[in-house]
Amino acid sequence: YATLGISDQPLFGVIADLTLSRWHELKPFEASNVLWAFSKLNMLDSHFLKGVVPLLTQMDLDDTSPQVISTICWAFGRASCHPKDLFKKLTHLLYRSADKLAPQGIANTLWAFAQIQRQDTALFKRLGEAALRANVSNFKPQELSNIAWAFASMRQPFPVLFDCIA
């Protein structure tokens, strides 16, 4: 449904309730896919988020791929929601695995943190360095735009990165 852009509020209400009741069965990748789908269709409502946040905060994400963490951040960024404890956990995981993110993951993570106005100079620097190591010439124009916007909107100077983007 999400890939096709089909939003069906009653259906997603049922899916939300089922997801919350069976959250313990989900792997982190599956949880991030659910969040992506709900977010893509602007269906991350307060009821669902209120249920998901504590479950996600308690979920073991230590061995989760950085792309999954990035997707979770992106979904919360789209919902303009940034639960403090959850984002503290996500920030720690991202800082540790920044170099493993693909260009889209770097761009989406920076965009999400800027979207929710979560100021974290160390993480921005770490992700900026990861972008440089990944070679910005490998990034799509939209990814570069999102990165530049995130750094600028959060007033995080990174001249070397900006020179490479330009």
C-alpha atoms as a PDB file:
ATOM      1  CA  TYR A   1       0.000   0.000   0.000  1.00  0.00           C
ATOM      2  CA  ALA A   2       2.695   2.494   0.971  1.00  0.00           C
ATOM      3  CA  THR A   3       4.749   1.982  -2.183  1.00  0.00           C
ATOM      4  CA  LEU A   4       1.608   2.514  -4.255  1.00  0.00           C
ATOM      5  CA  GLY A   5       0.574   5.520  -2.170  1.00  0.00           C
ATOM      6  CA  ILE A   6      -2.715   3.918  -1.162  1.00  0.00           C
ATOM      7  CA  SER A   7      -3.843   5.097   2.250  1.00  0.00           C
ATOM      8  CA  ASP A   8      -6.774   3.426   3.899  1.00  0.00           C
ATOM      9  CA  GLN A   9      -7.281   4.863   7.382  1.00  0.00           C
ATOM     10  CA  PRO A  10      -9.508   2.054   8.720  1.00  0.00           C
ATOM     11  CA  LEU A  11      -7.139  -0.617   7.401  1.00  0.00           C
ATOM     12  CA  PHE A  12      -4.090   1.092   8.876  1.00  0.00           C
ATOM     13  CA  GLY A  13      -5.936   1.480  12.175  1.00  0.00           C
ATOM     14  CA  VAL A  14      -6.357  -2.285  12.309  1.00  0.00           C
ATOM     15  CA  ILE A  15      -2.736  -2.827  11.257  1.00  0.00           C
ATOM     16  CA  ALA A  16      -1.593  -0.405  13.970  1.00  0.00           C
ATOM     17  CA  ASP A  17      -3.508  -2.277  16.667  1.00  0.00           C
ATOM     18  CA  LEU A  18      -2.238  -5.650  15.460  1.00  0.00           C
ATOM     19  CA  THR A  19       1.323  -4.346  15.225  1.00  0.00           C
ATOM     20  CA  LEU A  20       1.253  -2.994  18.754  1.00  0.00           C
ATOM     21  CA  SER A  21      -0.212  -6.195  20.170  1.00  0.00           C
ATOM     22  CA  ARG A  22       2.381  -8.368  18.398  1.00  0.00           C
ATOM     23  CA  TRP A  23       5.378  -6.029  18.494  1.00  0.00           C
ATOM     24  CA  HIS A  24       7.449  -8.567  20.437  1.00  0.00           C
ATOM     25  CA  GLU A  25       7.383 -10.801  17.333  1.00  0.00           C
ATOM     26  CA  LEU A  26       8.978  -8.186  15.087  1.00  0.00           C
ATOM     27  CA  LYS A  27      12.631  -8.043  14.184  1.00  0.00           C
ATOM     28  CA  PRO A  28      14.113  -4.505  14.020  1.00  0.00           C
ATOM     29  CA  PHE A  29      14.083  -4.600  10.204  1.00  0.00           C
ATOM     30  CA  GLU A  30      10.385  -5.471  10.204  1.00  0.00           C
ATOM     31  CA  ALA A  31       9.634  -2.744  12.743  1.00  0.00           C
ATOM     32  CA  SER A  32      11.452  -0.185  10.577  1.00  0.00           C
ATOM     33  CA  ASN A  33       9.448  -1.308   7.537  1.00  0.00           C
ATOM     34  CA  VAL A  34       6.192  -0.819   9.423  1.00  0.00           C
ATOM     35  CA  LEU A  35       7.303   2.650  10.531  1.00  0.00           C
ATOM     36  CA  TRP A  36       8.405   3.485   6.982  1.00  0.00           C
ATOM     37  CA  ALA A  37       5.035   2.440   5.527  1.00  0.00           C
ATOM     38  CA  PHE A  38       3.015   4.353   8.101  1.00  0.00           C
ATOM     39  CA  SER A  39       5.216   7.412   7.695  1.00  0.00           C
ATOM     40  CA  LYS A  40       5.211   7.294   3.899  1.00  0.00           C
ATOM     41  CA  LEU A  41       1.416   7.532   3.984  1.00  0.00           C
ATOM     42  CA  ASN A  42       1.353  10.124   6.803  1.00  0.00           C
ATOM     43  CA  MET A  43      -0.366   7.604   9.084  1.00  0.00           C
ATOM     44  CA  LEU A  44       1.979   7.837  12.078  1.00  0.00           C
ATOM     45  CA  ASP A  45      -0.651   9.217  14.423  1.00  0.00           C
ATOM     46  CA  SER A  46      -0.252   9.971  18.124  1.00  0.00           C
ATOM     47  CA  HIS A  47      -2.026   6.760  19.203  1.00  0.00           C
ATOM     48  CA  PHE A  48       0.347   4.554  17.219  1.00  0.00           C
ATOM     49  CA  LEU A  49       3.433   6.560  18.179  1.00  0.00           C
ATOM     50  CA  LYS A  50       2.470   6.501  21.856  1.00  0.00           C
ATOM     51  CA  GLY A  51       2.393   2.717  21.670  1.00  0.00           C
ATOM     52  CA  VAL A  52       5.468   2.267  19.480  1.00  0.00           C
ATOM     53  CA  VAL A  53       7.928   4.529  21.309  1.00  0.00           C
ATOM     54  CA  PRO A  54       8.309   2.492  24.514  1.00  0.00           C
ATOM     55  CA  LEU A  55       8.379  -0.757  22.557  1.00  0.00           C
ATOM     56  CA  LEU A  56      11.033   0.534  20.188  1.00  0.00           C
ATOM     57  CA  THR A  57      13.045   2.035  23.032  1.00  0.00           C
ATOM     58  CA  GLN A  58      13.130  -1.375  24.722  1.00  0.00           C
ATOM     59  CA  MET A  59      13.898  -3.290  21.516  1.00  0.00           C
ATOM     60  CA  ASP A  60      17.418  -4.686  21.204  1.00  0.00           C
ATOM     61  CA  LEU A  61      18.909  -2.708  18.325  1.00  0.00           C
ATOM     62  CA  ASP A  62      22.594  -3.304  19.062  1.00  0.00           C
ATOM     63  CA  ASP A  63      23.197  -5.620  16.099  1.00  0.00           C
ATOM     64  CA  THR A  64      20.798  -3.830  13.784  1.00  0.00           C
ATOM     65  CA  SER A  65      22.040  -2.479  10.477  1.00  0.00           C
ATOM     66  CA  PRO A  66      22.575   1.275  10.389  1.00  0.00           C
ATOM     67  CA  GLN A  67      20.135   1.499   7.473  1.00  0.00           C
ATOM     68  CA  VAL A  68      17.356   0.218   9.750  1.00  0.00           C
ATOM     69  CA  ILE A  69      18.263   2.856  12.351  1.00  0.00           C
ATOM     70  CA  SER A  70      18.275   5.515   9.647  1.00  0.00           C
ATOM     71  CA  THR A  71      14.830   4.423   8.455  1.00  0.00           C
ATOM     72  CA  ILE A  72      13.477   4.670  11.993  1.00  0.00           C
ATOM     73  CA  CYS A  73      14.905   8.186  12.324  1.00  0.00           C
ATOM     74  CA  TRP A  74      13.434   9.165   8.968  1.00  0.00           C
ATOM     75  CA  ALA A  75       9.971   7.917   9.963  1.00  0.00           C
ATOM     76  CA  PHE A  76      10.041   9.894  13.203  1.00  0.00           C
ATOM     77  CA  GLY A  77      11.361  12.926  11.325  1.00  0.00           C
ATOM     78  CA  ARG A  78       8.397  12.761   8.944  1.00  0.00           C
ATOM     79  CA  ALA A  79       6.108  12.621  11.972  1.00  0.00           C
ATOM     80  CA  SER A  80       7.972  15.525  13.623  1.00  0.00           C
ATOM     81  CA  CYS A  81       8.338  13.380  16.704  1.00  0.00           C
ATOM     82  CA  HIS A  82      11.525  12.868  18.689  1.00  0.00           C
ATOM     83  CA  PRO A  83      11.161  10.979  21.936  1.00  0.00           C
ATOM     84  CA  LYS A  84      14.205  11.861  24.016  1.00  0.00           C
ATOM     85  CA  ASP A  85      15.131   8.374  25.290  1.00  0.00           C
ATOM     86  CA  LEU A  86      14.598   6.720  21.926  1.00  0.00           C
ATOM     87  CA  PHE A  87      16.704   9.296  20.094  1.00  0.00           C
ATOM     88  CA  LYS A  88      19.449   9.061  22.689  1.00  0.00           C
ATOM     89  CA  LYS A  89      19.623   5.338  21.906  1.00  0.00           C
ATOM     90  CA  LEU A  90      19.434   5.877  18.122  1.00  0.00           C
ATOM     91  CA  THR A  91      22.128   8.578  18.260  1.00  0.00           C
ATOM     92  CA  HIS A  92      24.502   6.243  20.083  1.00  0.00           C
ATOM     93  CA  LEU A  93      23.914   3.503  17.505  1.00  0.00           C
ATOM     94  CA  LEU A  94      24.364   5.890  14.576  1.00  0.00           C
ATOM     95  CA  TYR A  95      27.529   7.382  15.955  1.00  0.00           C
ATOM     96  CA  ARG A  96      28.993   3.913  16.288  1.00  0.00           C
ATOM     97  CA  SER A  97      28.040   2.794  12.767  1.00  0.00           C
ATOM     98  CA  ALA A  98      28.056   5.979  10.678  1.00  0.00           C
ATOM     99  CA  ASP A  99      30.677   4.659   8.257  1.00  0.00           C
ATOM    100  CA  LYS A 100      28.431   1.734   7.351  1.00  0.00           C
ATOM    101  CA  LEU A 101      25.582   3.944   6.149  1.00  0.00           C
ATOM    102  CA  ALA A 102      24.865   4.185   2.446  1.00  0.00           C
ATOM    103  CA  PRO A 103      24.571   7.693   0.966  1.00  0.00           C
ATOM    104  CA  GLN A 104      20.769   7.604   1.284  1.00  0.00           C
ATOM    105  CA  GLY A 105      21.055   6.607   4.947  1.00  0.00           C
ATOM    106  CA  ILE A 106      23.449   9.470   5.699  1.00  0.00           C
ATOM    107  CA  ALA A 107      21.206  11.975   3.944  1.00  0.00           C
ATOM    108  CA  ASN A 108      17.975  10.690   5.479  1.00  0.00           C
ATOM    109  CA  THR A 109      19.424  10.604   8.979  1.00  0.00           C
ATOM    110  CA  LEU A 110      20.757  14.150   8.771  1.00  0.00           C
ATOM    111  CA  TRP A 111      17.442  15.312   7.292  1.00  0.00           C
ATOM    112  CA  ALA A 112      15.496  13.614  10.100  1.00  0.00           C
ATOM    113  CA  PHE A 113      17.612  15.151  12.861  1.00  0.00           C
ATOM    114  CA  ALA A 114      17.251  18.594  11.302  1.00  0.00           C
ATOM    115  CA  GLN A 115      13.514  18.083  10.754  1.00  0.00           C
ATOM    116  CA  ILE A 116      12.962  17.406  14.460  1.00  0.00           C
ATOM    117  CA  GLN A 117      15.502  20.085  15.407  1.00  0.00           C
ATOM    118  CA  ARG A 118      17.633  17.635  17.379  1.00  0.00           C
ATOM    119  CA  GLN A 119      20.950  19.385  17.853  1.00  0.00           C
ATOM    120  CA  ASP A 120      23.844  16.944  18.052  1.00  0.00           C
ATOM    121  CA  THR A 121      27.089  18.476  16.855  1.00  0.00           C
ATOM    122  CA  ALA A 122      29.123  15.290  17.328  1.00  0.00           C
ATOM    123  CA  LEU A 123      26.708  13.164  15.290  1.00  0.00           C
ATOM    124  CA  PHE A 124      26.486  15.749  12.504  1.00  0.00           C
ATOM    125  CA  LYS A 125      30.279  15.859  12.345  1.00  0.00           C
ATOM    126  CA  ARG A 126      30.478  12.056  12.331  1.00  0.00           C
ATOM    127  CA  LEU A 127      27.883  11.752   9.546  1.00  0.00           C
ATOM    128  CA  GLY A 128      29.547  14.544   7.582  1.00  0.00           C
ATOM    129  CA  GLU A 129      32.856  12.703   7.808  1.00  0.00           C
ATOM    130  CA  ALA A 130      31.111   9.506   6.718  1.00  0.00           C
ATOM    131  CA  ALA A 131      29.732  11.365   3.689  1.00  0.00           C
ATOM    132  CA  LEU A 132      33.222  12.536   2.770  1.00  0.00           C
ATOM    133  CA  ARG A 133      34.622   9.015   3.092  1.00  0.00           C
ATOM    134  CA  ALA A 134      31.768   7.678   0.968  1.00  0.00           C
ATOM    135  CA  ASN A 135      32.758  10.250  -1.675  1.00  0.00           C
ATOM    136  CA  VAL A 136      30.026  12.798  -2.283  1.00  0.00           C
ATOM    137  CA  SER A 137      30.298  12.206  -6.032  1.00  0.00           C
ATOM    138  CA  ASN A 138      28.459   8.924  -5.326  1.00  0.00           C
ATOM    139  CA  PHE A 139      25.487  10.783  -3.826  1.00  0.00           C
ATOM    140  CA  LYS A 140      22.335  11.668  -5.737  1.00  0.00           C
ATOM    141  CA  PRO A 141      21.458  15.373  -6.062  1.00  0.00           C
ATOM    142  CA  GLN A 142      18.516  14.987  -3.648  1.00  0.00           C
ATOM    143  CA  GLU A 143      20.783  13.381  -1.050  1.00  0.00           C
ATOM    144  CA  LEU A 144      23.316  16.205  -1.362  1.00  0.00           C
ATOM    145  CA  SER A 145      20.520  18.740  -1.089  1.00  0.00           C
ATOM    146  CA  ASN A 146      19.168  17.090   2.061  1.00  0.00           C
ATOM    147  CA  ILE A 147      22.636  17.008   3.608  1.00  0.00           C
ATOM    148  CA  ALA A 148      23.322  20.669   2.843  1.00  0.00           C
ATOM    149  CA  TRP A 149      19.873  21.671   4.116  1.00  0.00           C
ATOM    150  CA  ALA A 150      20.315  19.687   7.343  1.00  0.00           C
ATOM    151  CA  PHE A 151      23.700  21.226   8.144  1.00  0.00           C
ATOM    152  CA  ALA A 152      22.532  24.723   7.242  1.00  0.00           C
ATOM    153  CA  SER A 153      19.221  24.553   9.095  1.00  0.00           C
ATOM    154  CA  MET A 154      20.945  23.276  12.231  1.00  0.00           C
ATOM    155  CA  ARG A 155      23.709  25.868  11.857  1.00  0.00           C
ATOM    156  CA  GLN A 156      26.355  23.166  11.768  1.00  0.00           C
ATOM    157  CA  PRO A 157      29.317  24.461   9.751  1.00  0.00           C
ATOM    158  CA  PHE A 158      31.277  21.890   7.779  1.00  0.00           C
ATOM    159  CA  PRO A 159      33.252  23.835   5.125  1.00  0.00           C
ATOM    160  CA  VAL A 160      35.131  20.816   3.740  1.00  0.00           C
ATOM    161  CA  LEU A 161      31.872  18.976   3.105  1.00  0.00           C
ATOM    162  CA  PHE A 162      30.205  22.056   1.613  1.00  0.00           C
ATOM    163  CA  ASP A 163      33.194  22.559  -0.717  1.00  0.00           C
ATOM    164  CA  CYS A 164      32.853  18.970  -1.936  1.00  0.00           C
ATOM    165  CA  ILE A 165      29.117  19.359  -2.467  1.00  0.00           C
ATOM    166  CA  ALA A 166      29.614  22.602  -4.404  1.00  0.00           C
END
